[in-house]
Amino acid sequence: MIRHTALSRSQLHRLLREKKLTWGGNRTLRIYGRLDCRAGKRMKAENRVFFTDEAEALAHGFRPCAVCMPDAYRHWQQCLSRIAQVR
């Protein structure tokens, strides 16, 4: 996980161009999604983090974005409700 504020503008552009950053997330809300997500584009830079892959975002405890990943979000919600039923 790389914080947006830890990167210079040129570093960020290079990593994006080289496709080393493929997912973005909101550090405070613990939500991740596609880099072209309209919801993600509105977040503050100090809250934005980048991931190299989806597995990294999940490993850090982030959940899928409901805006750009509706199917993954619904699946995540279903998993949570199953866990709640077991408890």
PDB file of N, CA and C in Angstrom:
ATOM      1  N   MET A   1       0.859  -1.171   0.000  1.00  0.00           N
ATOM      2  CA  MET A   1       0.000   0.000   0.000  1.00  0.00           C
ATOM      3  C   MET A   1       0.903   1.230   0.000  1.00  0.00           C
ATOM      4  N   ILE A   2       0.638   2.126  -0.929  1.00  0.00           N
ATOM      5  CA  ILE A   2       1.437   3.342  -1.058  1.00  0.00           C
ATOM      6  C   ILE A   2       0.517   4.546  -0.884  1.00  0.00           C
ATOM      7  N   ARG A   3       0.875   5.437   0.007  1.00  0.00           N
ATOM      8  CA  ARG A   3       0.075   6.651   0.215  1.00  0.00           C
ATOM      9  C   ARG A   3       0.332   7.646  -0.911  1.00  0.00           C
ATOM     10  N   HIS A   4      -0.718   8.267  -1.381  1.00  0.00           N
ATOM     11  CA  HIS A   4      -0.614   9.254  -2.452  1.00  0.00           C
ATOM     12  C   HIS A   4       0.346  10.383  -2.063  1.00  0.00           C
ATOM     13  N   THR A   5       0.261  10.818  -0.829  1.00  0.00           N
ATOM     14  CA  THR A   5       1.085  11.944  -0.386  1.00  0.00           C
ATOM     15  C   THR A   5       2.564  11.584  -0.280  1.00  0.00           C
ATOM     16  N   ALA A   6       2.900  10.296  -0.333  1.00  0.00           N
ATOM     17  CA  ALA A   6       4.304   9.872  -0.271  1.00  0.00           C
ATOM     18  C   ALA A   6       4.971   9.907  -1.642  1.00  0.00           C
ATOM     19  N   LEU A   7       4.195  10.167  -2.686  1.00  0.00           N
ATOM     20  CA  LEU A   7       4.715  10.166  -4.051  1.00  0.00           C
ATOM     21  C   LEU A   7       4.747  11.573  -4.624  1.00  0.00           C
ATOM     22  N   SER A   8       5.795  11.860  -5.360  1.00  0.00           N
ATOM     23  CA  SER A   8       5.815  13.118  -6.110  1.00  0.00           C
ATOM     24  C   SER A   8       4.924  12.933  -7.337  1.00  0.00           C
ATOM     25  N   ARG A   9       4.589  14.011  -7.965  1.00  0.00           N
ATOM     26  CA  ARG A   9       3.741  13.948  -9.159  1.00  0.00           C
ATOM     27  C   ARG A   9       4.389  13.088 -10.249  1.00  0.00           C
ATOM     28  N   SER A  10       5.690  13.265 -10.444  1.00  0.00           N
ATOM     29  CA  SER A  10       6.385  12.494 -11.483  1.00  0.00           C
ATOM     30  C   SER A  10       6.471  11.009 -11.116  1.00  0.00           C
ATOM     31  N   GLN A  11       6.685  10.701  -9.836  1.00  0.00           N
ATOM     32  CA  GLN A  11       6.714   9.298  -9.405  1.00  0.00           C
ATOM     33  C   GLN A  11       5.357   8.640  -9.650  1.00  0.00           C
ATOM     34  N   LEU A  12       4.303   9.347  -9.295  1.00  0.00           N
ATOM     35  CA  LEU A  12       2.956   8.816  -9.477  1.00  0.00           C
ATOM     36  C   LEU A  12       2.684   8.536 -10.951  1.00  0.00           C
ATOM     37  N   HIS A  13       2.999   9.491 -11.812  1.00  0.00           N
ATOM     38  CA  HIS A  13       2.760   9.313 -13.246  1.00  0.00           C
ATOM     39  C   HIS A  13       3.568   8.143 -13.801  1.00  0.00           C
ATOM     40  N   ARG A  14       4.804   7.992 -13.342  1.00  0.00           N
ATOM     41  CA  ARG A  14       5.648   6.888 -13.813  1.00  0.00           C
ATOM     42  C   ARG A  14       5.057   5.549 -13.390  1.00  0.00           C
ATOM     43  N   LEU A  15       4.663   5.425 -12.126  1.00  0.00           N
ATOM     44  CA  LEU A  15       4.093   4.169 -11.633  1.00  0.00           C
ATOM     45  C   LEU A  15       2.774   3.827 -12.333  1.00  0.00           C
ATOM     46  N   LEU A  16       1.973   4.832 -12.607  1.00  0.00           N
ATOM     47  CA  LEU A  16       0.718   4.599 -13.323  1.00  0.00           C
ATOM     48  C   LEU A  16       0.988   4.192 -14.767  1.00  0.00           C
ATOM     49  N   ARG A  17       1.917   4.862 -15.405  1.00  0.00           N
ATOM     50  CA  ARG A  17       2.270   4.552 -16.789  1.00  0.00           C
ATOM     51  C   ARG A  17       2.813   3.122 -16.909  1.00  0.00           C
ATOM     52  N   GLU A  18       3.604   2.711 -15.920  1.00  0.00           N
ATOM     53  CA  GLU A  18       4.186   1.366 -15.912  1.00  0.00           C
ATOM     54  C   GLU A  18       3.203   0.313 -15.401  1.00  0.00           C
ATOM     55  N   LYS A  19       1.987   0.743 -15.050  1.00  0.00           N
ATOM     56  CA  LYS A  19       0.920  -0.131 -14.544  1.00  0.00           C
ATOM     57  C   LYS A  19       1.334  -0.886 -13.277  1.00  0.00           C
ATOM     58  N   LYS A  20       2.123  -0.230 -12.447  1.00  0.00           N
ATOM     59  CA  LYS A  20       2.517  -0.808 -11.163  1.00  0.00           C
ATOM     60  C   LYS A  20       1.492  -0.508 -10.074  1.00  0.00           C
ATOM     61  N   LEU A  21       0.645   0.476 -10.323  1.00  0.00           N
ATOM     62  CA  LEU A  21      -0.465   0.796  -9.422  1.00  0.00           C
ATOM     63  C   LEU A  21      -1.745   0.555 -10.201  1.00  0.00           C
ATOM     64  N   THR A  22      -2.540  -0.399  -9.756  1.00  0.00           N
ATOM     65  CA  THR A  22      -3.734  -0.748 -10.523  1.00  0.00           C
ATOM     66  C   THR A  22      -5.042  -0.499  -9.778  1.00  0.00           C
ATOM     67  N   TRP A  23      -4.966  -0.277  -8.470  1.00  0.00           N
ATOM     68  CA  TRP A  23      -6.156  -0.033  -7.657  1.00  0.00           C
ATOM     69  C   TRP A  23      -5.898   1.138  -6.723  1.00  0.00           C
ATOM     70  N   GLY A  24      -6.962   1.852  -6.398  1.00  0.00           N
ATOM     71  CA  GLY A  24      -6.861   2.946  -5.444  1.00  0.00           C
ATOM     72  C   GLY A  24      -7.792   2.700  -4.276  1.00  0.00           C
ATOM     73  N   GLY A  25      -7.522   3.363  -3.170  1.00  0.00           N
ATOM     74  CA  GLY A  25      -8.377   3.178  -2.008  1.00  0.00           C
ATOM     75  C   GLY A  25      -8.445   4.411  -1.136  1.00  0.00           C
ATOM     76  N   ASN A  26      -9.453   4.435  -0.279  1.00  0.00           N
ATOM     77  CA  ASN A  26      -9.611   5.499   0.697  1.00  0.00           C
ATOM     78  C   ASN A  26      -9.152   4.945   2.041  1.00  0.00           C
ATOM     79  N   ARG A  27      -8.068   5.507   2.546  1.00  0.00           N
ATOM     80  CA  ARG A  27      -7.422   5.014   3.759  1.00  0.00           C
ATOM     81  C   ARG A  27      -8.330   5.103   4.984  1.00  0.00           C
ATOM     82  N   THR A  28      -9.119   6.148   5.086  1.00  0.00           N
ATOM     83  CA  THR A  28      -9.967   6.320   6.268  1.00  0.00           C
ATOM     84  C   THR A  28     -11.242   5.478   6.199  1.00  0.00           C
ATOM     85  N   LEU A  29     -11.810   5.318   5.014  1.00  0.00           N
ATOM     86  CA  LEU A  29     -13.042   4.541   4.861  1.00  0.00           C
ATOM     87  C   LEU A  29     -12.774   3.063   4.587  1.00  0.00           C
ATOM     88  N   ARG A  30     -11.529   2.722   4.244  1.00  0.00           N
ATOM     89  CA  ARG A  30     -11.112   1.335   3.954  1.00  0.00           C
ATOM     90  C   ARG A  30     -11.896   0.756   2.777  1.00  0.00           C
ATOM     91  N   ILE A  31     -12.025   1.567   1.711  1.00  0.00           N
ATOM     92  CA  ILE A  31     -12.709   1.155   0.486  1.00  0.00           C
ATOM     93  C   ILE A  31     -11.695   1.203  -0.649  1.00  0.00           C
ATOM     94  N   TYR A  32     -11.705   0.191  -1.525  1.00  0.00           N
ATOM     95  CA  TYR A  32     -10.817   0.210  -2.688  1.00  0.00           C
ATOM     96  C   TYR A  32     -11.638   0.062  -3.962  1.00  0.00           C
ATOM     97  N   GLY A  33     -11.065   0.523  -5.070  1.00  0.00           N
ATOM     98  CA  GLY A  33     -11.753   0.413  -6.349  1.00  0.00           C
ATOM     99  C   GLY A  33     -10.831   0.729  -7.508  1.00  0.00           C
ATOM    100  N   ARG A  34     -11.444   0.823  -8.674  1.00  0.00           N
ATOM    101  CA  ARG A  34     -10.692   1.100  -9.901  1.00  0.00           C
ATOM    102  C   ARG A  34     -10.182   2.537  -9.878  1.00  0.00           C
ATOM    103  N   LEU A  35      -9.089   2.765 -10.574  1.00  0.00           N
ATOM    104  CA  LEU A  35      -8.504   4.106 -10.600  1.00  0.00           C
ATOM    105  C   LEU A  35      -9.370   5.105 -11.359  1.00  0.00           C
ATOM    106  N   ASP A  36     -10.240   4.625 -12.241  1.00  0.00           N
ATOM    107  CA  ASP A  36     -11.107   5.532 -12.999  1.00  0.00           C
ATOM    108  C   ASP A  36     -12.483   5.725 -12.358  1.00  0.00           C
ATOM    109  N   CYS A  37     -12.663   5.277 -11.138  1.00  0.00           N
ATOM    110  CA  CYS A  37     -13.947   5.383 -10.439  1.00  0.00           C
ATOM    111  C   CYS A  37     -14.301   6.849 -10.158  1.00  0.00           C
ATOM    112  N   ARG A  38     -15.531   7.221 -10.460  1.00  0.00           N
ATOM    113  CA  ARG A  38     -15.944   8.614 -10.230  1.00  0.00           C
ATOM    114  C   ARG A  38     -15.963   8.953  -8.746  1.00  0.00           C
ATOM    115  N   ALA A  39     -16.275   7.991  -7.905  1.00  0.00           N
ATOM    116  CA  ALA A  39     -16.274   8.241  -6.459  1.00  0.00           C
ATOM    117  C   ALA A  39     -14.844   8.394  -5.950  1.00  0.00           C
ATOM    118  N   GLY A  40     -13.954   7.564  -6.438  1.00  0.00           N
ATOM    119  CA  GLY A  40     -12.559   7.613  -6.005  1.00  0.00           C
ATOM    120  C   GLY A  40     -11.843   8.876  -6.433  1.00  0.00           C
ATOM    121  N   LYS A  41     -12.235   9.421  -7.561  1.00  0.00           N
ATOM    122  CA  LYS A  41     -11.581  10.637  -8.060  1.00  0.00           C
ATOM    123  C   LYS A  41     -11.876  11.845  -7.176  1.00  0.00           C
ATOM    124  N   ARG A  42     -12.934  11.768  -6.380  1.00  0.00           N
ATOM    125  CA  ARG A  42     -13.320  12.906  -5.530  1.00  0.00           C
ATOM    126  C   ARG A  42     -12.641  12.903  -4.166  1.00  0.00           C
ATOM    127  N   MET A  43     -11.967  11.830  -3.808  1.00  0.00           N
ATOM    128  CA  MET A  43     -11.394  11.770  -2.456  1.00  0.00           C
ATOM    129  C   MET A  43     -10.171  12.671  -2.327  1.00  0.00           C
ATOM    130  N   LYS A  44      -9.895  13.071  -1.122  1.00  0.00           N
ATOM    131  CA  LYS A  44      -8.741  13.917  -0.832  1.00  0.00           C
ATOM    132  C   LYS A  44      -7.461  13.116  -1.007  1.00  0.00           C
ATOM    133  N   ALA A  45      -6.426  13.768  -1.503  1.00  0.00           N
ATOM    134  CA  ALA A  45      -5.139  13.097  -1.727  1.00  0.00           C
ATOM    135  C   ALA A  45      -4.580  12.510  -0.437  1.00  0.00           C
ATOM    136  N   GLU A  46      -4.801  13.178   0.694  1.00  0.00           N
ATOM    137  CA  GLU A  46      -4.240  12.662   1.952  1.00  0.00           C
ATOM    138  C   GLU A  46      -4.930  11.372   2.413  1.00  0.00           C
ATOM    139  N   ASN A  47      -6.107  11.074   1.866  1.00  0.00           N
ATOM    140  CA  ASN A  47      -6.808   9.831   2.203  1.00  0.00           C
ATOM    141  C   ASN A  47      -6.578   8.726   1.172  1.00  0.00           C
ATOM    142  N   ARG A  48      -5.990   9.075   0.024  1.00  0.00           N
ATOM    143  CA  ARG A  48      -5.845   8.124  -1.077  1.00  0.00           C
ATOM    144  C   ARG A  48      -4.602   7.259  -0.914  1.00  0.00           C
ATOM    145  N   VAL A  49      -4.786   5.970  -1.172  1.00  0.00           N
ATOM    146  CA  VAL A  49      -3.681   5.013  -1.199  1.00  0.00           C
ATOM    147  C   VAL A  49      -3.777   4.227  -2.505  1.00  0.00           C
ATOM    148  N   PHE A  50      -2.671   3.610  -2.882  1.00  0.00           N
ATOM    149  CA  PHE A  50      -2.631   2.808  -4.101  1.00  0.00           C
ATOM    150  C   PHE A  50      -2.191   1.393  -3.777  1.00  0.00           C
ATOM    151  N   PHE A  51      -2.692   0.452  -4.570  1.00  0.00           N
ATOM    152  CA  PHE A  51      -2.352  -0.956  -4.411  1.00  0.00           C
ATOM    153  C   PHE A  51      -1.843  -1.506  -5.737  1.00  0.00           C
ATOM    154  N   THR A  52      -0.968  -2.491  -5.644  1.00  0.00           N
ATOM    155  CA  THR A  52      -0.457  -3.119  -6.862  1.00  0.00           C
ATOM    156  C   THR A  52      -1.442  -4.131  -7.427  1.00  0.00           C
ATOM    157  N   ASP A  53      -2.290  -4.686  -6.578  1.00  0.00           N
ATOM    158  CA  ASP A  53      -3.316  -5.622  -7.050  1.00  0.00           C
ATOM    159  C   ASP A  53      -4.464  -5.684  -6.038  1.00  0.00           C
ATOM    160  N   GLU A  54      -5.517  -6.343  -6.449  1.00  0.00           N
ATOM    161  CA  GLU A  54      -6.710  -6.426  -5.602  1.00  0.00           C
ATOM    162  C   GLU A  54      -6.446  -7.222  -4.327  1.00  0.00           C
ATOM    163  N   ALA A  55      -5.621  -8.252  -4.430  1.00  0.00           N
ATOM    164  CA  ALA A  55      -5.302  -9.071  -3.254  1.00  0.00           C
ATOM    165  C   ALA A  55      -4.641  -8.234  -2.161  1.00  0.00           C
ATOM    166  N   GLU A  56      -3.810  -7.284  -2.564  1.00  0.00           N
ATOM    167  CA  GLU A  56      -3.158  -6.411  -1.581  1.00  0.00           C
ATOM    168  C   GLU A  56      -4.192  -5.563  -0.844  1.00  0.00           C
ATOM    169  N   ALA A  57      -5.164  -5.031  -1.579  1.00  0.00           N
ATOM    170  CA  ALA A  57      -6.217  -4.221  -0.955  1.00  0.00           C
ATOM    171  C   ALA A  57      -7.007  -5.052   0.055  1.00  0.00           C
ATOM    172  N   LEU A  58      -7.358  -6.254  -0.330  1.00  0.00           N
ATOM    173  CA  LEU A  58      -8.109  -7.139   0.569  1.00  0.00           C
ATOM    174  C   LEU A  58      -7.277  -7.523   1.784  1.00  0.00           C
ATOM    175  N   ALA A  59      -5.991  -7.772   1.573  1.00  0.00           N
ATOM    176  CA  ALA A  59      -5.106  -8.144   2.682  1.00  0.00           C
ATOM    177  C   ALA A  59      -4.986  -7.024   3.710  1.00  0.00           C
ATOM    178  N   HIS A  60      -5.151  -5.785   3.265  1.00  0.00           N
ATOM    179  CA  HIS A  60      -5.091  -4.640   4.176  1.00  0.00           C
ATOM    180  C   HIS A  60      -6.457  -4.329   4.793  1.00  0.00           C
ATOM    181  N   GLY A  61      -7.456  -5.164   4.523  1.00  0.00           N
ATOM    182  CA  GLY A  61      -8.762  -4.994   5.153  1.00  0.00           C
ATOM    183  C   GLY A  61      -9.692  -4.018   4.461  1.00  0.00           C
ATOM    184  N   PHE A  62      -9.448  -3.716   3.193  1.00  0.00           N
ATOM    185  CA  PHE A  62     -10.313  -2.807   2.442  1.00  0.00           C
ATOM    186  C   PHE A  62     -11.458  -3.599   1.817  1.00  0.00           C
ATOM    187  N   ARG A  63     -12.598  -2.941   1.616  1.00  0.00           N
ATOM    188  CA  ARG A  63     -13.750  -3.569   0.978  1.00  0.00           C
ATOM    189  C   ARG A  63     -13.937  -2.978  -0.422  1.00  0.00           C
ATOM    190  N   PRO A  64     -14.616  -3.705  -1.318  1.00  0.00           N
ATOM    191  CA  PRO A  64     -14.839  -3.197  -2.677  1.00  0.00           C
ATOM    192  C   PRO A  64     -15.755  -1.973  -2.697  1.00  0.00           C
ATOM    193  N   CYS A  65     -15.528  -1.110  -3.667  1.00  0.00           N
ATOM    194  CA  CYS A  65     -16.345   0.090  -3.875  1.00  0.00           C
ATOM    195  C   CYS A  65     -17.684  -0.302  -4.499  1.00  0.00           C
ATOM    196  N   ALA A  66     -18.765   0.231  -3.966  1.00  0.00           N
ATOM    197  CA  ALA A  66     -20.100  -0.064  -4.494  1.00  0.00           C
ATOM    198  C   ALA A  66     -20.354   0.642  -5.820  1.00  0.00           C
ATOM    199  N   VAL A  67     -19.609   1.706  -6.116  1.00  0.00           N
ATOM    200  CA  VAL A  67     -19.832   2.479  -7.337  1.00  0.00           C
ATOM    201  C   VAL A  67     -19.193   1.795  -8.542  1.00  0.00           C
ATOM    202  N   CYS A  68     -17.913   1.479  -8.463  1.00  0.00           N
ATOM    203  CA  CYS A  68     -17.207   0.930  -9.628  1.00  0.00           C
ATOM    204  C   CYS A  68     -17.100  -0.593  -9.622  1.00  0.00           C
ATOM    205  N   MET A  69     -17.461  -1.231  -8.505  1.00  0.00           N
ATOM    206  CA  MET A  69     -17.375  -2.693  -8.395  1.00  0.00           C
ATOM    207  C   MET A  69     -18.646  -3.245  -7.747  1.00  0.00           C
ATOM    208  N   PRO A  70     -19.820  -2.992  -8.330  1.00  0.00           N
ATOM    209  CA  PRO A  70     -21.070  -3.371  -7.664  1.00  0.00           C
ATOM    210  C   PRO A  70     -21.202  -4.872  -7.400  1.00  0.00           C
ATOM    211  N   ASP A  71     -20.734  -5.716  -8.312  1.00  0.00           N
ATOM    212  CA  ASP A  71     -20.843  -7.167  -8.099  1.00  0.00           C
ATOM    213  C   ASP A  71     -19.966  -7.620  -6.938  1.00  0.00           C
ATOM    214  N   ALA A  72     -18.734  -7.137  -6.898  1.00  0.00           N
ATOM    215  CA  ALA A  72     -17.819  -7.495  -5.802  1.00  0.00           C
ATOM    216  C   ALA A  72     -18.344  -6.954  -4.475  1.00  0.00           C
ATOM    217  N   TYR A  73     -18.946  -5.768  -4.506  1.00  0.00           N
ATOM    218  CA  TYR A  73     -19.510  -5.181  -3.290  1.00  0.00           C
ATOM    219  C   TYR A  73     -20.667  -6.035  -2.765  1.00  0.00           C
ATOM    220  N   ARG A  74     -21.568  -6.462  -3.670  1.00  0.00           N
ATOM    221  CA  ARG A  74     -22.694  -7.313  -3.257  1.00  0.00           C
ATOM    222  C   ARG A  74     -22.190  -8.630  -2.670  1.00  0.00           C
ATOM    223  N   HIS A  75     -21.177  -9.207  -3.297  1.00  0.00           N
ATOM    224  CA  HIS A  75     -20.594 -10.450  -2.787  1.00  0.00           C
ATOM    225  C   HIS A  75     -20.022 -10.229  -1.387  1.00  0.00           C
ATOM    226  N   TRP A  76     -19.332  -9.108  -1.192  1.00  0.00           N
ATOM    227  CA  TRP A  76     -18.761  -8.763   0.115  1.00  0.00           C
ATOM    228  C   TRP A  76     -19.872  -8.645   1.163  1.00  0.00           C
ATOM    229  N   GLN A  77     -20.979  -7.981   0.799  1.00  0.00           N
ATOM    230  CA  GLN A  77     -22.108  -7.832   1.724  1.00  0.00           C
ATOM    231  C   GLN A  77     -22.713  -9.190   2.085  1.00  0.00           C
ATOM    232  N   GLN A  78     -22.851 -10.066   1.097  1.00  0.00           N
ATOM    233  CA  GLN A  78     -23.404 -11.395   1.351  1.00  0.00           C
ATOM    234  C   GLN A  78     -22.510 -12.179   2.305  1.00  0.00           C
ATOM    235  N   CYS A  79     -21.211 -12.069   2.121  1.00  0.00           N
ATOM    236  CA  CYS A  79     -20.273 -12.750   3.022  1.00  0.00           C
ATOM    237  C   CYS A  79     -20.415 -12.227   4.447  1.00  0.00           C
ATOM    238  N   LEU A  80     -20.559 -10.918   4.591  1.00  0.00           N
ATOM    239  CA  LEU A  80     -20.740 -10.335   5.925  1.00  0.00           C
ATOM    240  C   LEU A  80     -22.021 -10.825   6.585  1.00  0.00           C
ATOM    241  N   SER A  81     -23.093 -10.902   5.808  1.00  0.00           N
ATOM    242  CA  SER A  81     -24.361 -11.346   6.398  1.00  0.00           C
ATOM    243  C   SER A  81     -24.288 -12.818   6.798  1.00  0.00           C
ATOM    244  N   ARG A  82     -23.565 -13.632   6.038  1.00  0.00           N
ATOM    245  CA  ARG A  82     -23.387 -15.044   6.418  1.00  0.00           C
ATOM    246  C   ARG A  82     -22.597 -15.160   7.715  1.00  0.00           C
ATOM    247  N   ILE A  83     -21.575 -14.346   7.844  1.00  0.00           N
ATOM    248  CA  ILE A  83     -20.770 -14.353   9.073  1.00  0.00           C
ATOM    249  C   ILE A  83     -21.637 -13.945  10.260  1.00  0.00           C
ATOM    250  N   ALA A  84     -22.470 -12.926  10.069  1.00  0.00           N
ATOM    251  CA  ALA A  84     -23.342 -12.453  11.149  1.00  0.00           C
ATOM    252  C   ALA A  84     -24.346 -13.533  11.557  1.00  0.00           C
ATOM    253  N   GLN A  85     -24.816 -14.324  10.603  1.00  0.00           N
ATOM    254  CA  GLN A  85     -25.769 -15.393  10.905  1.00  0.00           C
ATOM    255  C   GLN A  85     -25.123 -16.492  11.737  1.00  0.00           C
ATOM    256  N   VAL A  86     -23.857 -16.751  11.502  1.00  0.00           N
ATOM    257  CA  VAL A  86     -23.136 -17.794  12.233  1.00  0.00           C
ATOM    258  C   VAL A  86     -22.929 -17.378  13.679  1.00  0.00           C
ATOM    259  N   ARG A  87     -22.722 -16.114  13.901  1.00  0.00           N
ATOM    260  CA  ARG A  87     -22.480 -15.597  15.258  1.00  0.00           C
ATOM    261  C   ARG A  87     -23.730 -15.592  16.004  1.00  0.00           C
TER     262      ARG A  87
END
